[in-house]
Amino acid sequence: MHSTFKVQTAQNNAAPFVVSLSKNGSLHSPILDGFKSLRMKSALINLRPGENVGSHNSVNKEELLIVLEGIGEVHAEGLGKQEVKKDSVIYIPPNNQHDVKNTGDIPLRYIYITSLI
């Protein structure tokens, strides 16, 4: 049986766009939000050496982390403590408690992408 996935765009004027990643070093720089994307949220995260994002749970949302620079650790249920570095991609399933910490001596820069539904 074949099913068709239809995106409702009448209530949201989603359109292609290009965003430059911030180099200003702020902790959280939004990339996507509910006004630009129909089903995703994203931001660039910059953690200073020793800093962590804080243990949190994205509830029923999936999350993808893409490390751009630096070395760190991801602590996640079912994964334990895992080292991550440039070019690491981390998947966090729904309802999973997790945290990211910079264990290196330069900023840990990564992008997170999460679903809105």
N, C-alpha and C. Protein backbone atom coordinates (compact mmCIF):
# COMPACT_ATOMS: atom_id res chain seq x y z
N MET A 1 0.83 -1.17 0.00
CA MET A 1 0.00 0.00 0.00
C MET A 1 0.88 1.24 0.00
N HIS A 2 0.57 2.20 -0.81
CA HIS A 2 1.36 3.42 -0.95
C HIS A 2 0.66 4.56 -0.22
N SER A 3 1.40 5.27 0.63
CA SER A 3 0.83 6.44 1.30
C SER A 3 1.60 7.68 0.88
N THR A 4 0.92 8.79 0.89
CA THR A 4 1.53 10.06 0.49
C THR A 4 1.62 10.97 1.70
N PHE A 5 2.78 11.55 1.92
CA PHE A 5 2.98 12.51 3.00
C PHE A 5 2.77 13.91 2.46
N LYS A 6 1.84 14.64 3.06
CA LYS A 6 1.55 15.99 2.60
C LYS A 6 1.90 16.98 3.70
N VAL A 7 2.62 18.03 3.36
CA VAL A 7 2.98 19.08 4.30
C VAL A 7 1.98 20.21 4.16
N GLN A 8 1.41 20.60 5.27
CA GLN A 8 0.47 21.71 5.27
C GLN A 8 1.25 23.03 5.35
N THR A 9 1.20 23.83 4.31
CA THR A 9 1.94 25.10 4.31
C THR A 9 1.03 26.31 4.36
N ALA A 10 -0.26 26.12 4.35
CA ALA A 10 -1.19 27.25 4.34
C ALA A 10 -1.03 28.13 5.57
N GLN A 11 -0.70 27.52 6.73
CA GLN A 11 -0.58 28.27 7.96
C GLN A 11 0.84 28.75 8.22
N ASN A 12 1.78 28.33 7.41
CA ASN A 12 3.17 28.70 7.62
C ASN A 12 3.81 28.97 6.26
N ASN A 13 4.35 30.13 6.08
CA ASN A 13 4.96 30.51 4.81
C ASN A 13 6.42 30.09 4.75
N ALA A 14 6.67 28.80 4.87
CA ALA A 14 8.04 28.29 4.81
C ALA A 14 8.60 28.50 3.42
N ALA A 15 9.86 28.90 3.37
CA ALA A 15 10.55 29.14 2.10
C ALA A 15 12.02 28.82 2.28
N PRO A 16 12.73 28.48 1.20
CA PRO A 16 14.17 28.24 1.32
C PRO A 16 14.89 29.49 1.84
N PHE A 17 15.96 29.29 2.58
CA PHE A 17 16.77 30.41 3.07
C PHE A 17 18.18 29.94 3.36
N VAL A 18 19.08 30.90 3.51
CA VAL A 18 20.48 30.64 3.85
C VAL A 18 20.78 31.41 5.13
N VAL A 19 21.50 30.77 6.06
CA VAL A 19 21.86 31.39 7.33
C VAL A 19 23.37 31.28 7.51
N SER A 20 24.02 32.36 7.93
CA SER A 20 25.44 32.31 8.27
C SER A 20 25.59 31.91 9.72
N LEU A 21 26.49 30.97 10.01
CA LEU A 21 26.72 30.57 11.38
C LEU A 21 27.48 31.65 12.12
N SER A 22 27.03 31.97 13.31
CA SER A 22 27.61 33.04 14.11
C SER A 22 29.01 32.67 14.58
N LYS A 23 29.90 33.63 14.52
CA LYS A 23 31.26 33.46 15.05
C LYS A 23 31.46 34.33 16.29
N ASN A 24 30.35 34.87 16.85
CA ASN A 24 30.48 35.81 17.96
C ASN A 24 30.72 35.13 19.31
N GLY A 25 30.65 33.79 19.37
CA GLY A 25 30.97 33.09 20.60
C GLY A 25 29.85 33.02 21.61
N SER A 26 28.65 33.53 21.29
CA SER A 26 27.56 33.43 22.24
C SER A 26 27.17 31.97 22.42
N LEU A 27 26.67 31.62 23.60
CA LEU A 27 26.36 30.24 23.91
C LEU A 27 25.35 29.64 22.95
N HIS A 28 24.30 30.35 22.61
CA HIS A 28 23.19 29.81 21.81
C HIS A 28 22.84 30.79 20.70
N SER A 29 23.02 30.38 19.45
CA SER A 29 22.69 31.21 18.28
C SER A 29 21.67 30.46 17.44
N PRO A 30 20.38 30.85 17.50
CA PRO A 30 19.35 30.13 16.74
C PRO A 30 19.64 30.09 15.25
N ILE A 31 19.33 28.95 14.63
CA ILE A 31 19.43 28.78 13.18
C ILE A 31 18.03 28.64 12.61
N LEU A 32 17.27 27.70 13.14
CA LEU A 32 15.89 27.49 12.73
C LEU A 32 14.97 27.76 13.92
N ASP A 33 13.80 28.20 13.63
CA ASP A 33 12.79 28.28 14.67
C ASP A 33 11.44 28.02 14.02
N GLY A 34 10.38 28.03 14.78
CA GLY A 34 9.06 27.71 14.27
C GLY A 34 8.58 28.61 13.16
N PHE A 35 9.17 29.79 13.00
CA PHE A 35 8.74 30.71 11.96
C PHE A 35 9.45 30.45 10.63
N LYS A 36 10.58 29.75 10.65
CA LYS A 36 11.34 29.49 9.43
C LYS A 36 11.21 28.06 8.95
N SER A 37 10.91 27.13 9.85
CA SER A 37 10.82 25.72 9.50
C SER A 37 9.49 25.16 9.97
N LEU A 38 8.95 24.24 9.23
CA LEU A 38 7.68 23.64 9.58
C LEU A 38 7.80 22.65 10.74
N ARG A 39 8.91 21.90 10.81
CA ARG A 39 8.99 20.83 11.79
C ARG A 39 10.36 20.69 12.47
N MET A 40 11.22 21.70 12.37
CA MET A 40 12.55 21.59 12.97
C MET A 40 12.91 22.85 13.75
N LYS A 41 13.81 22.66 14.70
CA LYS A 41 14.40 23.76 15.46
C LYS A 41 15.90 23.48 15.49
N SER A 42 16.72 24.52 15.41
CA SER A 42 18.16 24.31 15.37
C SER A 42 18.89 25.52 15.93
N ALA A 43 20.08 25.29 16.43
CA ALA A 43 20.93 26.39 16.91
C ALA A 43 22.38 25.95 16.90
N LEU A 44 23.26 26.94 16.85
CA LEU A 44 24.69 26.73 17.01
C LEU A 44 25.00 26.93 18.49
N ILE A 45 25.69 25.98 19.10
CA ILE A 45 26.07 26.05 20.50
C ILE A 45 27.58 26.20 20.59
N ASN A 46 28.03 27.13 21.42
CA ASN A 46 29.46 27.37 21.68
C ASN A 46 29.70 27.18 23.18
N LEU A 47 30.38 26.10 23.54
CA LEU A 47 30.71 25.86 24.94
C LEU A 47 32.18 26.16 25.18
N ARG A 48 32.47 27.00 26.18
CA ARG A 48 33.85 27.28 26.56
C ARG A 48 34.44 26.07 27.27
N PRO A 49 35.77 25.97 27.33
CA PRO A 49 36.40 24.85 28.03
C PRO A 49 35.83 24.67 29.43
N GLY A 50 35.46 23.42 29.75
CA GLY A 50 34.89 23.09 31.05
C GLY A 50 33.39 23.33 31.17
N GLU A 51 32.80 24.04 30.25
CA GLU A 51 31.38 24.38 30.31
C GLU A 51 30.53 23.23 29.78
N ASN A 52 29.32 23.09 30.32
CA ASN A 52 28.39 22.11 29.79
C ASN A 52 27.05 22.79 29.51
N VAL A 53 26.24 22.15 28.68
CA VAL A 53 24.96 22.72 28.29
C VAL A 53 23.91 22.51 29.38
N GLY A 54 24.10 21.51 30.22
CA GLY A 54 23.15 21.20 31.30
C GLY A 54 22.31 19.99 30.94
N SER A 55 22.15 19.10 31.88
CA SER A 55 21.37 17.90 31.65
C SER A 55 19.93 18.28 31.35
N HIS A 56 19.40 17.73 30.28
CA HIS A 56 18.02 18.04 29.87
C HIS A 56 17.42 16.88 29.10
N ASN A 57 16.14 16.97 28.88
CA ASN A 57 15.40 15.94 28.17
C ASN A 57 14.56 16.64 27.11
N SER A 58 14.70 16.25 25.87
CA SER A 58 13.95 16.87 24.78
C SER A 58 12.54 16.27 24.66
N VAL A 59 12.10 15.60 25.69
CA VAL A 59 10.79 14.97 25.81
C VAL A 59 10.52 14.08 24.61
N ASN A 60 9.49 14.34 23.84
CA ASN A 60 9.13 13.43 22.74
C ASN A 60 9.79 13.80 21.42
N LYS A 61 10.85 14.59 21.46
CA LYS A 61 11.52 15.05 20.23
C LYS A 61 12.86 14.34 20.03
N GLU A 62 13.16 14.03 18.78
CA GLU A 62 14.47 13.52 18.43
C GLU A 62 15.44 14.70 18.33
N GLU A 63 16.73 14.43 18.54
CA GLU A 63 17.73 15.49 18.45
C GLU A 63 18.97 14.95 17.75
N LEU A 64 19.55 15.76 16.89
CA LEU A 64 20.78 15.43 16.20
C LEU A 64 21.81 16.50 16.53
N LEU A 65 23.02 16.09 16.92
CA LEU A 65 24.11 17.01 17.24
C LEU A 65 25.22 16.79 16.22
N ILE A 66 25.74 17.88 15.66
CA ILE A 66 26.82 17.80 14.67
C ILE A 66 27.97 18.67 15.19
N VAL A 67 29.08 18.03 15.56
CA VAL A 67 30.22 18.75 16.14
C VAL A 67 31.06 19.36 15.02
N LEU A 68 31.27 20.67 15.13
CA LEU A 68 32.04 21.42 14.13
C LEU A 68 33.49 21.64 14.55
N GLU A 69 33.70 21.77 15.87
CA GLU A 69 35.03 22.12 16.37
C GLU A 69 35.14 21.75 17.84
N GLY A 70 36.32 21.30 18.25
CA GLY A 70 36.58 21.02 19.65
C GLY A 70 36.41 19.57 20.03
N ILE A 71 36.56 19.31 21.34
CA ILE A 71 36.46 17.97 21.91
C ILE A 71 35.55 18.06 23.12
N GLY A 72 34.72 17.04 23.28
CA GLY A 72 33.82 17.04 24.42
C GLY A 72 33.32 15.65 24.75
N GLU A 73 32.34 15.63 25.64
CA GLU A 73 31.69 14.39 26.03
C GLU A 73 30.19 14.57 25.94
N VAL A 74 29.52 13.53 25.48
CA VAL A 74 28.06 13.47 25.54
C VAL A 74 27.72 12.42 26.59
N HIS A 75 26.85 12.78 27.51
CA HIS A 75 26.32 11.84 28.50
C HIS A 75 24.86 11.64 28.12
N ALA A 76 24.47 10.41 27.82
CA ALA A 76 23.08 10.13 27.44
C ALA A 76 22.66 8.77 27.95
N GLU A 77 21.38 8.65 28.30
CA GLU A 77 20.82 7.38 28.73
C GLU A 77 21.02 6.36 27.62
N GLY A 78 21.52 5.20 27.96
CA GLY A 78 21.74 4.14 26.99
C GLY A 78 23.06 4.25 26.24
N LEU A 79 23.74 5.38 26.38
CA LEU A 79 25.02 5.60 25.72
C LEU A 79 26.14 5.71 26.74
N GLY A 80 25.80 6.21 27.92
CA GLY A 80 26.81 6.48 28.92
C GLY A 80 27.58 7.73 28.55
N LYS A 81 28.88 7.75 28.84
CA LYS A 81 29.75 8.88 28.52
C LYS A 81 30.51 8.54 27.25
N GLN A 82 30.38 9.38 26.23
CA GLN A 82 31.01 9.12 24.94
C GLN A 82 31.80 10.36 24.50
N GLU A 83 33.08 10.19 24.13
CA GLU A 83 33.85 11.31 23.62
C GLU A 83 33.36 11.69 22.23
N VAL A 84 33.29 12.99 21.98
CA VAL A 84 32.93 13.51 20.65
C VAL A 84 33.95 14.56 20.25
N LYS A 85 34.12 14.71 18.95
CA LYS A 85 35.06 15.71 18.43
C LYS A 85 34.57 16.15 17.06
N LYS A 86 35.33 17.04 16.43
CA LYS A 86 34.97 17.55 15.11
C LYS A 86 34.54 16.41 14.20
N ASP A 87 33.46 16.62 13.49
CA ASP A 87 32.86 15.67 12.54
C ASP A 87 32.08 14.54 13.20
N SER A 88 31.94 14.54 14.54
CA SER A 88 31.07 13.57 15.20
C SER A 88 29.62 13.99 14.99
N VAL A 89 28.76 12.99 14.80
CA VAL A 89 27.32 13.21 14.70
C VAL A 89 26.67 12.33 15.76
N ILE A 90 25.83 12.91 16.61
CA ILE A 90 25.23 12.20 17.72
C ILE A 90 23.72 12.24 17.58
N TYR A 91 23.08 11.10 17.70
CA TYR A 91 21.62 11.02 17.67
C TYR A 91 21.11 10.79 19.09
N ILE A 92 20.14 11.60 19.50
CA ILE A 92 19.49 11.46 20.79
C ILE A 92 18.02 11.13 20.54
N PRO A 93 17.54 9.97 20.98
CA PRO A 93 16.14 9.62 20.74
C PRO A 93 15.20 10.40 21.67
N PRO A 94 13.91 10.32 21.42
CA PRO A 94 12.93 11.00 22.29
C PRO A 94 13.03 10.50 23.73
N ASN A 95 12.67 11.35 24.66
CA ASN A 95 12.60 11.01 26.10
C ASN A 95 13.92 10.50 26.66
N ASN A 96 15.01 11.14 26.27
CA ASN A 96 16.34 10.71 26.70
C ASN A 96 17.03 11.86 27.43
N GLN A 97 17.42 11.63 28.67
CA GLN A 97 18.16 12.62 29.46
C GLN A 97 19.58 12.68 28.93
N HIS A 98 20.08 13.88 28.63
CA HIS A 98 21.43 13.99 28.06
C HIS A 98 22.07 15.34 28.39
N ASP A 99 23.38 15.39 28.20
CA ASP A 99 24.16 16.60 28.47
C ASP A 99 25.39 16.57 27.56
N VAL A 100 25.91 17.74 27.25
CA VAL A 100 27.14 17.87 26.46
C VAL A 100 28.10 18.74 27.25
N LYS A 101 29.36 18.31 27.35
CA LYS A 101 30.38 19.06 28.08
C LYS A 101 31.62 19.24 27.22
N ASN A 102 32.22 20.41 27.28
CA ASN A 102 33.48 20.68 26.60
C ASN A 102 34.61 20.19 27.50
N THR A 103 35.37 19.21 27.01
CA THR A 103 36.50 18.67 27.78
C THR A 103 37.84 19.11 27.20
N GLY A 104 37.80 19.93 26.17
CA GLY A 104 39.02 20.38 25.52
C GLY A 104 39.47 21.74 26.00
N ASP A 105 40.45 22.31 25.30
CA ASP A 105 40.98 23.63 25.68
C ASP A 105 40.63 24.72 24.67
N ILE A 106 39.76 24.40 23.71
CA ILE A 106 39.21 25.39 22.78
C ILE A 106 37.69 25.26 22.82
N PRO A 107 36.97 26.24 22.29
CA PRO A 107 35.51 26.13 22.30
C PRO A 107 35.02 24.86 21.60
N LEU A 108 33.99 24.26 22.16
CA LEU A 108 33.29 23.15 21.53
C LEU A 108 32.09 23.76 20.81
N ARG A 109 32.12 23.69 19.48
CA ARG A 109 31.06 24.27 18.66
C ARG A 109 30.29 23.13 18.00
N TYR A 110 28.97 23.14 18.21
CA TYR A 110 28.14 22.12 17.56
C TYR A 110 26.78 22.69 17.21
N ILE A 111 26.16 22.07 16.25
CA ILE A 111 24.80 22.43 15.85
C ILE A 111 23.87 21.35 16.36
N TYR A 112 22.76 21.78 16.98
CA TYR A 112 21.73 20.80 17.28
C TYR A 112 20.54 21.05 16.37
N ILE A 113 19.91 19.95 15.99
CA ILE A 113 18.69 20.00 15.18
C ILE A 113 17.69 19.09 15.88
N THR A 114 16.51 19.60 16.14
CA THR A 114 15.48 18.81 16.80
C THR A 114 14.16 18.98 16.08
N SER A 115 13.33 17.97 16.22
CA SER A 115 11.99 18.05 15.63
C SER A 115 11.10 18.89 16.54
N LEU A 116 10.09 19.52 15.94
CA LEU A 116 9.13 20.30 16.74
C LEU A 116 7.92 19.48 17.11
N ILE A 117 7.75 18.32 16.50
CA ILE A 117 6.58 17.49 16.83
C ILE A 117 7.02 16.14 17.33
